[in-house]
Amino acid sequence: MTLQTLTRHLDAILAEAEYSDNSNNGLQVANSGRVTKIACGVDASLEFFQAAHAKGASFCLVHHGMSWDKSLARIAGVNYEKVKFLMEHDMALYASHIPLDAHSKFGNNVLLAKGLGLRNLKRFCGYHGHEISFCGTLPKPMSVAAFAKRFEKLVGNRVTTWDFGKPDIRTVGIVSGGGGFSLDQAIARGLDAFVTGEAGLNAYNDAKDGRLNVFIGGHYATEALGPNALGKHIAAKAGIPCEFINLNIPY
């Protein structure tokens, strides 16, 4: 498949232009024009690029790219090392940040919601004019401990629990990655619990004051589902080998 065809297909699926984002979503680094294998992952790190090259990939599809606002205004230091590696090995880089979080089929948030068993999903988390996530209802109430175990099994990472709310939960809001900023929206909705990847001190205090249960599963772990699912879809549609590279970063 040509790089141009694959890029156009991804652009159409993800509707990148609809979202306000500090990530420069889409094709960030081109290659010579052919794609023979795709490597999917969370971060555009040098470690990921090296692992992708070892697997024979010519196209990297990631959630966190390497071009943010004016971050590539100067190609020096680590930026130079990353660009140099991609170009020396004829590898392209495509990134999708908020669009992949928000996607209703391949998004990190919808996959977390479904994986946790939530039903009656509704849009949640206002961000720059769009609701980028989902909230929903468990079929039956679950204890905080049981829900934490389910979450850990889904993301394969240790979950931190702030059990400040009801002992049994039913309604849950989700924002993958660094979603602590939206915790107040979960409180305002009257939800029983909030699921995210990481959250800071302000979120801790807000959750305690707002009597909200919070489950924190790791920024990396909560944003691995989307790239993996999107890569599998592309592979099936285009007939190109695709491999998800999990670096198992615990943060």
Protein backbone atom coordinates (compact mmCIF):
# COMPACT_ATOMS: atom_id res chain seq x y z
CA MET A 1 0.00 0.00 0.00
CA THR A 2 1.18 3.53 -0.65
CA LEU A 3 1.81 5.91 2.22
CA GLN A 4 -0.60 8.40 0.69
CA THR A 5 -3.46 5.88 0.52
CA LEU A 6 -2.96 4.71 4.10
CA THR A 7 -2.73 8.27 5.40
CA ARG A 8 -5.93 9.28 3.62
CA HIS A 9 -7.72 6.25 5.04
CA LEU A 10 -6.64 7.07 8.60
CA ASP A 11 -7.54 10.74 8.16
CA ALA A 12 -11.04 9.75 7.07
CA ILE A 13 -11.55 7.35 10.01
CA LEU A 14 -10.26 9.73 12.66
CA ALA A 15 -11.65 13.06 11.37
CA GLU A 16 -8.54 14.78 12.71
CA ALA A 17 -9.53 18.27 11.56
CA GLU A 18 -12.69 18.31 13.69
CA TYR A 19 -10.79 18.49 16.99
CA SER A 20 -8.84 21.24 18.69
CA ASP A 21 -5.65 19.62 19.93
CA ASN A 22 -2.09 20.63 20.74
CA SER A 23 -0.94 17.48 18.98
CA ASN A 24 -0.26 17.97 15.28
CA ASN A 25 -2.35 14.95 14.39
CA GLY A 26 -1.94 13.00 11.21
CA LEU A 27 1.21 12.19 9.25
CA GLN A 28 4.13 13.70 11.18
CA VAL A 29 7.06 12.09 9.36
CA ALA A 30 6.88 10.60 5.85
CA ASN A 31 8.84 7.74 4.36
CA SER A 32 9.71 7.03 0.72
CA GLY A 33 6.10 6.17 -0.07
CA ARG A 34 5.46 2.47 0.55
CA VAL A 35 4.02 0.73 3.62
CA THR A 36 4.73 -2.97 4.08
CA LYS A 37 4.13 -3.36 7.84
CA ILE A 38 2.53 -1.24 10.55
CA ALA A 39 3.67 -1.00 14.16
CA CYS A 40 1.15 0.43 16.63
CA GLY A 41 1.94 1.84 20.03
CA VAL A 42 1.23 4.51 22.59
CA ASP A 43 4.25 6.84 22.45
CA ALA A 44 6.56 8.09 19.71
CA SER A 45 9.65 7.33 21.78
CA LEU A 46 13.02 6.25 20.46
CA GLU A 47 12.53 2.95 22.28
CA PHE A 48 9.30 2.38 20.38
CA PHE A 49 10.89 3.28 17.03
CA GLN A 50 13.73 0.83 17.67
CA ALA A 51 11.28 -1.94 18.57
CA ALA A 52 9.18 -1.17 15.49
CA HIS A 53 12.24 -1.34 13.24
CA ALA A 54 13.25 -4.66 14.79
CA LYS A 55 9.80 -5.98 13.80
CA GLY A 56 10.27 -4.79 10.21
CA ALA A 57 7.74 -1.94 10.34
CA SER A 58 7.76 0.88 7.79
CA PHE A 59 4.85 2.81 9.35
CA CYS A 60 4.38 3.75 13.02
CA LEU A 61 0.87 4.50 14.27
CA VAL A 62 0.85 6.06 17.74
CA HIS A 63 -1.40 7.93 20.16
CA HIS A 64 1.24 10.36 21.43
CA GLY A 65 3.23 11.68 18.49
CA MET A 66 6.41 13.73 18.49
CA SER A 67 5.00 16.96 17.03
CA TRP A 68 3.14 19.11 19.57
CA ASP A 69 2.46 22.78 18.82
CA LYS A 70 5.96 24.10 17.96
CA SER A 71 7.88 21.23 19.54
CA LEU A 72 9.69 20.53 16.25
CA ALA A 73 10.62 24.13 15.60
CA ARG A 74 14.21 23.01 16.12
CA ILE A 75 15.37 19.54 15.10
CA ALA A 76 18.05 19.11 17.74
CA GLY A 77 18.81 16.87 20.72
CA VAL A 78 16.27 14.08 21.20
CA ASN A 79 14.15 15.41 18.33
CA TYR A 80 17.13 15.01 16.01
CA GLU A 81 17.76 11.45 17.21
CA LYS A 82 14.14 10.46 16.59
CA VAL A 83 13.85 12.05 13.15
CA LYS A 84 17.25 10.69 12.15
CA PHE A 85 16.26 7.16 13.17
CA LEU A 86 12.99 7.29 11.22
CA MET A 87 14.61 8.66 8.09
CA GLU A 88 17.59 6.30 8.17
CA HIS A 89 15.23 3.34 8.34
CA ASP A 90 12.60 4.72 5.95
CA MET A 91 9.85 4.72 8.57
CA ALA A 92 6.80 6.97 8.61
CA LEU A 93 5.06 8.28 11.72
CA TYR A 94 1.33 8.95 12.11
CA ALA A 95 -0.19 10.25 15.36
CA SER A 96 -3.73 10.61 16.65
CA HIS A 97 -4.27 12.11 20.09
CA ILE A 98 -7.69 13.55 21.00
CA PRO A 99 -9.37 12.10 17.87
CA LEU A 100 -8.39 8.59 18.96
CA ASP A 101 -9.50 9.24 22.54
CA ALA A 102 -12.89 10.38 21.28
CA HIS A 103 -13.55 7.83 18.53
CA SER A 104 -16.80 5.91 19.05
CA LYS A 105 -15.42 2.59 17.77
CA PHE A 106 -11.63 2.55 18.08
CA GLY A 107 -11.18 5.13 20.83
CA ASN A 108 -9.37 4.52 24.10
CA ASN A 109 -12.37 5.65 26.10
CA VAL A 110 -15.09 3.62 24.41
CA LEU A 111 -12.93 0.49 24.58
CA LEU A 112 -12.31 1.05 28.29
CA ALA A 113 -16.04 1.54 28.83
CA LYS A 114 -16.98 -1.64 26.99
CA GLY A 115 -14.15 -3.61 28.55
CA LEU A 116 -15.37 -2.60 32.00
CA GLY A 117 -18.86 -3.79 31.16
CA LEU A 118 -20.61 -0.42 31.03
CA ARG A 119 -23.91 -0.14 29.22
CA ASN A 120 -26.15 2.70 28.04
CA LEU A 121 -23.08 4.72 27.06
CA LYS A 122 -23.45 8.48 26.81
CA ARG A 123 -20.96 11.13 25.78
CA PHE A 124 -18.93 12.62 28.62
CA CYS A 125 -16.07 15.08 29.28
CA GLY A 126 -16.35 18.40 27.50
CA TYR A 127 -13.02 19.43 25.97
CA HIS A 128 -12.57 22.34 23.54
CA GLY A 129 -16.10 22.10 22.23
CA HIS A 130 -16.35 18.31 21.99
CA GLU A 131 -17.29 15.57 24.40
CA ILE A 132 -14.34 13.24 24.02
CA SER A 133 -15.28 10.36 26.29
CA PHE A 134 -18.11 8.24 27.69
CA CYS A 135 -19.96 7.40 30.86
CA GLY A 136 -22.27 4.48 31.45
CA THR A 137 -23.95 2.09 33.85
CA LEU A 138 -22.94 -1.31 35.17
CA PRO A 139 -25.63 -4.01 34.77
CA LYS A 140 -25.44 -4.64 38.54
CA PRO A 141 -23.77 -2.71 41.36
CA MET A 142 -20.16 -3.74 42.05
CA SER A 143 -18.03 -3.26 45.10
CA VAL A 144 -15.08 -0.90 44.78
CA ALA A 145 -12.66 -3.80 45.21
CA ALA A 146 -14.33 -5.96 42.55
CA PHE A 147 -14.39 -3.09 40.05
CA ALA A 148 -10.71 -2.36 40.69
CA LYS A 149 -9.86 -6.00 39.95
CA ARG A 150 -11.83 -5.86 36.70
CA PHE A 151 -10.00 -2.69 35.69
CA GLU A 152 -6.60 -4.20 36.50
CA LYS A 153 -7.37 -7.26 34.40
CA LEU A 154 -8.45 -5.10 31.45
CA VAL A 155 -5.39 -2.83 31.34
CA GLY A 156 -2.79 -5.22 32.76
CA ASN A 157 -1.54 -2.69 35.26
CA ARG A 158 -1.82 -1.99 38.99
CA VAL A 159 -4.78 0.24 39.78
CA THR A 160 -4.76 2.89 42.49
CA THR A 161 -8.14 3.35 44.17
CA TRP A 162 -9.47 6.41 46.00
CA ASP A 163 -12.52 4.95 47.73
CA PHE A 164 -14.19 8.18 48.75
CA GLY A 165 -17.71 7.39 47.54
CA LYS A 166 -20.35 4.71 47.83
CA PRO A 167 -19.19 1.19 48.76
CA ASP A 168 -21.02 -0.18 45.70
CA ILE A 169 -20.88 1.58 42.35
CA ARG A 170 -23.18 1.58 39.33
CA THR A 171 -22.54 4.72 37.24
CA VAL A 172 -19.04 5.35 35.90
CA GLY A 173 -17.34 8.10 33.89
CA ILE A 174 -14.13 7.45 31.95
CA VAL A 175 -11.33 9.68 30.66
CA SER A 176 -8.21 7.80 29.60
CA GLY A 177 -4.66 9.06 30.09
CA GLY A 178 -4.22 12.28 32.03
CA GLY A 179 -7.92 12.71 32.71
CA GLY A 180 -7.74 14.16 36.21
CA PHE A 181 -8.69 17.57 34.82
CA SER A 182 -12.24 16.33 34.17
CA LEU A 183 -12.95 14.79 37.57
CA ASP A 184 -15.19 17.72 38.48
CA GLN A 185 -17.44 16.81 35.54
CA ALA A 186 -17.96 13.34 37.04
CA ILE A 187 -18.95 14.93 40.36
CA ALA A 188 -21.30 17.34 38.60
CA ARG A 189 -22.99 14.42 36.82
CA GLY A 190 -23.52 12.64 40.13
CA LEU A 191 -21.57 9.57 39.03
CA ASP A 192 -20.52 6.90 41.50
CA ALA A 193 -17.03 6.46 40.08
CA PHE A 194 -14.45 7.94 37.75
CA VAL A 195 -11.83 6.00 35.78
CA THR A 196 -8.66 7.56 34.41
CA GLY A 197 -4.97 6.99 33.79
CA GLU A 198 -3.40 9.56 36.08
CA ALA A 199 -4.52 12.41 38.35
CA GLY A 200 -2.81 14.91 40.62
CA LEU A 201 -3.19 16.37 44.10
CA ASN A 202 -6.02 18.74 43.16
CA ALA A 203 -8.00 15.82 41.78
CA TYR A 204 -7.41 13.85 44.99
CA ASN A 205 -8.80 16.66 47.12
CA ASP A 206 -11.73 17.25 44.76
CA ALA A 207 -12.62 13.55 44.78
CA LYS A 208 -12.50 13.40 48.57
CA ASP A 209 -14.60 16.53 48.97
CA GLY A 210 -17.01 15.36 46.26
CA ARG A 211 -17.34 11.83 47.70
CA LEU A 212 -16.34 10.21 44.44
CA ASN A 213 -14.64 6.85 43.93
CA VAL A 214 -11.67 7.14 41.58
CA PHE A 215 -9.73 4.37 39.82
CA ILE A 216 -6.31 5.24 38.33
CA GLY A 217 -4.85 2.66 35.96
CA GLY A 218 -1.82 4.37 34.43
CA HIS A 219 -1.59 6.85 31.56
CA TYR A 220 0.14 4.37 29.27
CA ALA A 221 -2.02 1.35 30.10
CA THR A 222 -5.33 3.19 29.65
CA GLU A 223 -4.28 4.44 26.21
CA ALA A 224 -3.00 1.21 24.70
CA LEU A 225 -6.41 -0.15 23.69
CA GLY A 226 -7.13 2.42 20.98
CA PRO A 227 -3.93 2.11 18.91
CA ASN A 228 -4.16 -1.68 19.13
CA ALA A 229 -7.78 -1.78 17.90
CA LEU A 230 -7.21 0.76 15.13
CA GLY A 231 -4.14 -1.12 13.92
CA LYS A 232 -6.06 -4.40 13.73
CA HIS A 233 -8.80 -2.68 11.72
CA ILE A 234 -6.33 -1.19 9.25
CA ALA A 235 -4.54 -4.52 8.88
CA ALA A 236 -7.79 -6.33 8.11
CA LYS A 237 -8.98 -3.72 5.61
CA ALA A 238 -5.69 -3.14 3.82
CA GLY A 239 -4.19 -6.60 4.05
CA ILE A 240 -1.01 -5.22 5.64
CA PRO A 241 0.70 -6.94 8.58
CA CYS A 242 0.28 -4.97 11.78
CA GLU A 243 1.74 -5.53 15.22
CA PHE A 244 1.04 -3.77 18.50
CA ILE A 245 4.22 -3.14 20.46
CA ASN A 246 3.56 -3.01 24.20
CA LEU A 247 6.44 -1.52 26.17
CA ASN A 248 4.55 -2.20 29.43
CA ILE A 249 5.29 1.23 30.90
CA PRO A 250 3.73 1.23 34.41
CA TYR A 251 3.21 5.02 34.58
